[in-house]
Protein backbone atom coordinates (compact mmCIF):
# COMPACT_ATOMS: atom_id res chain seq x y z
CA UNK A 1 82.26 100.63 93.57
CA UNK A 2 79.92 99.33 96.27
CA UNK A 3 81.12 95.84 97.18
CA UNK A 4 77.93 94.76 98.97
CA UNK A 5 74.67 93.24 97.74
CA UNK A 6 73.32 93.59 94.21
CA UNK A 7 74.42 96.37 91.93
CA UNK A 8 74.43 97.33 88.27
CA UNK A 9 77.44 96.20 86.29
CA UNK A 10 78.98 99.64 86.00
CA UNK A 11 81.52 100.50 83.28
CA UNK A 12 83.74 101.84 86.07
CA UNK A 13 84.59 98.30 87.16
CA UNK A 14 85.08 96.95 83.67
CA UNK A 15 87.61 99.64 82.81
CA UNK A 16 89.98 97.50 84.88
CA UNK A 17 89.34 94.45 82.67
CA UNK A 18 92.47 92.41 82.02
CA UNK A 19 93.19 89.85 79.33
CA UNK A 20 94.09 86.47 80.83
CA UNK A 21 95.28 83.21 79.33
CA UNK A 22 95.73 79.83 81.01
CA UNK A 23 99.33 78.79 81.59
CA UNK A 24 100.03 75.31 80.21
CA UNK A 25 103.25 74.95 82.18
CA UNK A 26 101.27 75.07 85.47
CA UNK A 27 98.44 72.70 84.43
CA UNK A 28 97.93 69.38 86.20
CA UNK A 29 98.07 66.51 83.72
CA UNK A 30 94.35 65.71 84.01
CA UNK A 31 93.38 69.20 82.89
CA UNK A 32 92.81 69.72 79.16
CA UNK A 33 93.14 73.20 77.66
CA UNK A 34 91.25 74.44 74.60
CA UNK A 35 90.04 77.61 72.85
CA UNK A 36 93.55 79.09 72.54
CA UNK A 37 94.22 78.42 76.23
CA UNK A 38 91.09 80.22 77.41
CA UNK A 39 89.13 77.13 78.47
CA UNK A 40 90.09 74.20 80.70
CA UNK A 41 88.28 70.96 81.58
CA UNK A 42 89.10 68.17 84.01
CA UNK A 43 89.30 64.93 82.00
CA UNK A 44 90.01 61.21 82.52
CA UNK A 45 92.84 61.07 79.99
CA UNK A 46 96.28 62.14 81.15
CA UNK A 47 97.66 64.97 79.03
CA UNK A 48 101.23 64.76 77.78
CA UNK A 49 102.57 67.91 79.35
CA UNK A 50 106.34 68.08 79.86
CA UNK A 51 107.81 68.28 83.35
CA UNK A 52 108.07 71.81 84.69
CA UNK A 53 108.85 73.18 88.18
CA UNK A 54 105.69 75.34 88.09
CA UNK A 55 103.36 72.43 87.26
CA UNK A 56 100.91 71.22 89.93
CA UNK A 57 101.84 67.55 90.07
CA UNK A 58 99.06 66.23 92.37
CA UNK A 59 96.33 68.86 92.86
CA UNK A 60 94.08 69.33 89.77
CA UNK A 61 94.86 73.03 89.44
CA UNK A 62 96.46 75.59 87.15
CA UNK A 63 97.09 79.32 87.05
CA UNK A 64 97.01 82.01 84.41
CA UNK A 65 100.10 83.34 82.67
CA UNK A 66 99.73 87.04 83.41
CA UNK A 67 100.69 88.60 86.75
CA UNK A 68 97.94 90.71 88.35
CA UNK A 69 99.05 94.23 89.20
CA UNK A 70 97.23 97.34 90.37
CA UNK A 71 93.48 96.97 89.80
CA UNK A 72 92.22 94.05 87.70
CA UNK A 73 88.77 92.74 86.75
CA UNK A 74 87.87 89.50 84.96
CA UNK A 75 84.94 87.11 84.51
CA UNK A 76 84.77 83.34 84.10
CA UNK A 77 82.06 80.87 83.23
CA UNK A 78 82.24 77.71 85.33
CA UNK A 79 80.66 74.26 85.46
CA UNK A 80 80.89 71.65 88.21
CA UNK A 81 83.06 71.77 91.34
CA UNK A 82 85.50 74.62 90.75
CA UNK A 83 87.71 76.89 92.85
CA UNK A 84 88.07 80.37 91.33
CA UNK A 85 91.20 81.66 92.96
CA UNK A 86 93.93 84.23 93.22
CA UNK A 87 97.29 82.87 94.35
CA UNK A 88 100.75 84.06 95.24
CA UNK A 89 103.29 82.81 92.75
CA UNK A 90 105.17 81.10 95.58
CA UNK A 91 102.45 78.55 96.38
CA UNK A 92 103.82 75.00 96.60
CA UNK A 93 103.35 72.84 93.48
CA UNK A 94 104.40 69.40 94.76
CA UNK A 95 102.20 66.90 96.59
CA UNK A 96 98.66 67.00 97.93
CA UNK A 97 99.11 68.92 101.18
CA UNK A 98 97.21 72.10 102.03
CA UNK A 99 100.36 74.02 101.11
CA UNK A 100 99.53 73.25 97.45
CA UNK A 101 95.75 73.52 97.62
CA UNK A 102 93.96 76.68 96.52
CA UNK A 103 92.08 77.92 99.62
CA UNK A 104 94.09 75.59 101.85
CA UNK A 105 96.77 78.08 102.92
CA UNK A 106 97.65 81.74 103.34
CA UNK A 107 99.08 81.89 99.81
CA UNK A 108 95.72 81.76 98.01
CA UNK A 109 92.14 83.06 98.19
CA UNK A 110 89.17 81.33 96.56
CA UNK A 111 85.48 81.19 95.94
CA UNK A 112 84.39 77.55 95.89
CA UNK A 113 81.34 76.77 93.79
CA UNK A 114 79.21 73.64 94.03
CA UNK A 115 75.56 73.00 93.33
CA UNK A 116 73.46 74.42 96.19
CA UNK A 117 76.40 76.36 97.60
CA UNK A 118 79.07 78.86 96.72
CA UNK A 119 81.67 79.45 99.39
CA UNK A 120 84.80 81.53 99.70
CA UNK A 121 87.80 80.55 101.73
CA UNK A 122 91.43 80.85 102.60
CA UNK A 123 93.14 78.97 105.36
CA UNK A 124 92.08 80.48 108.67
CA UNK A 125 88.35 80.14 109.36
CA UNK A 126 84.93 79.10 108.11
CA UNK A 127 81.48 80.61 108.55
CA UNK A 128 78.11 80.82 106.84
CA UNK A 129 76.28 83.96 105.81
CA UNK A 130 74.13 85.43 103.05
CA UNK A 131 75.37 86.00 99.52
CA UNK A 132 75.80 89.70 100.22
CA UNK A 133 78.12 89.12 103.17
CA UNK A 134 81.64 90.48 103.20
CA UNK A 135 84.77 89.82 105.15
CA UNK A 136 87.53 91.93 106.55
CA UNK A 137 89.09 89.89 109.38
CA UNK A 138 87.22 86.66 108.58
CA UNK A 139 88.54 84.43 105.79
CA UNK A 140 85.51 82.59 104.45
CA UNK A 141 81.80 82.77 103.72
CA UNK A 142 79.15 80.75 101.92
CA UNK A 143 75.99 81.40 99.93
CA UNK A 144 73.33 79.24 98.32
CA UNK A 145 73.20 78.49 94.59
CA UNK A 146 70.66 76.27 92.81
CA UNK A 147 72.76 75.86 89.67
CA UNK A 148 75.76 73.67 88.81
CA UNK A 149 77.10 76.30 86.42
CA UNK A 150 77.29 80.05 86.19
CA UNK A 151 79.41 83.15 85.74
CA UNK A 152 81.62 84.83 88.34
CA UNK A 153 83.41 88.18 88.30
CA UNK A 154 86.59 88.93 90.23
CA UNK A 155 87.84 92.41 91.12
CA UNK A 156 91.31 92.83 92.61
CA UNK A 157 92.43 96.15 94.07
CA UNK A 158 95.95 95.21 95.04
CA UNK A 159 97.02 98.62 96.43
CA UNK A 160 94.00 98.57 98.77
CA UNK A 161 94.51 94.90 99.72
CA UNK A 162 91.02 93.97 98.51
CA UNK A 163 89.85 90.96 96.47
CA UNK A 164 86.12 90.66 95.68
CA UNK A 165 84.06 87.89 94.06
CA UNK A 166 80.63 88.42 92.48
CA UNK A 167 77.95 86.29 90.86
CA UNK A 168 77.12 87.69 87.39
CA UNK A 169 73.52 87.54 86.17
CA UNK A 170 72.49 89.62 83.16
CA UNK A 171 73.66 93.15 83.99
CA UNK A 172 73.76 92.61 87.76
CA UNK A 173 76.58 91.71 90.13
CA UNK A 174 75.73 89.99 93.41
CA UNK A 175 78.52 90.18 95.97
CA UNK A 176 79.79 86.83 97.24
CA UNK A 177 82.84 87.68 99.32
CA UNK A 178 85.60 90.22 99.83
CA UNK A 179 89.01 89.31 101.23
CA UNK A 180 91.07 92.08 102.82
CA UNK A 181 94.74 91.34 103.29
CA UNK A 182 98.25 92.49 102.39
CA UNK A 183 99.52 90.83 99.22
CA UNK A 184 103.26 90.24 99.50
CA UNK A 185 104.15 88.41 96.26
CA UNK A 186 103.23 88.45 92.56
CA UNK A 187 99.58 87.39 92.14
CA UNK A 188 97.97 85.14 89.53
CA UNK A 189 94.44 84.00 88.78
CA UNK A 190 94.05 80.25 89.27
CA UNK A 191 91.50 77.46 89.16
CA UNK A 192 91.05 74.11 90.91
CA UNK A 193 88.78 71.29 89.68
CA UNK A 194 87.17 68.78 92.03
CA UNK A 195 84.86 66.78 89.76
CA UNK A 196 85.26 65.10 86.39
CA UNK A 197 84.20 67.32 83.45
CA UNK A 198 84.18 70.45 85.61
CA UNK A 199 85.39 73.39 83.54
CA UNK A 200 86.22 77.08 83.40
CA UNK A 201 86.17 79.45 80.45
CA UNK A 202 87.73 82.92 80.54
CA UNK A 203 85.16 85.42 79.28
CA UNK A 204 86.02 88.10 76.70
CA UNK A 205 85.14 91.58 77.95
């Protein structure tokens, strides 16, 4: 698969589609799950989730239940200020420090979507480039977006140490960013929410 620029949404990528569900035991208490744990929204009302050591207690985040192994592909529809992330299982869950924050440390990798911009980041650096940019040694990039909602695809090739994010439009993928690293722990899809009513829905494929 060509990771750069626009391309047709080839069946070869989708053959790595994986079924994901949101993990209630990791969800911050101001995140409300619905649609059989396939949709999550940041809300004003505190949810009555029980205490759990894997729950994010301060950062409005959660992860999915299934570990990501080998090659995996998934798509999400998003609205508002949302981090679409992949995280090591060992990321910190307590407090508001960068150690807990998706894209704030070397335990997680994210594309950050806001109106007028979509940026990708982990902890080490920041730069701006076109939407078809990619990264090997660099850790972040940004691209313009005129919408406050949309659809993003994620393709993980764990053996190759590659994690790619794409904007999905009709039958076309537009490359946003590729991280290249060595993954050392179990990996999970995750999401962070930075505005009220922001949401993510896992797309059936």
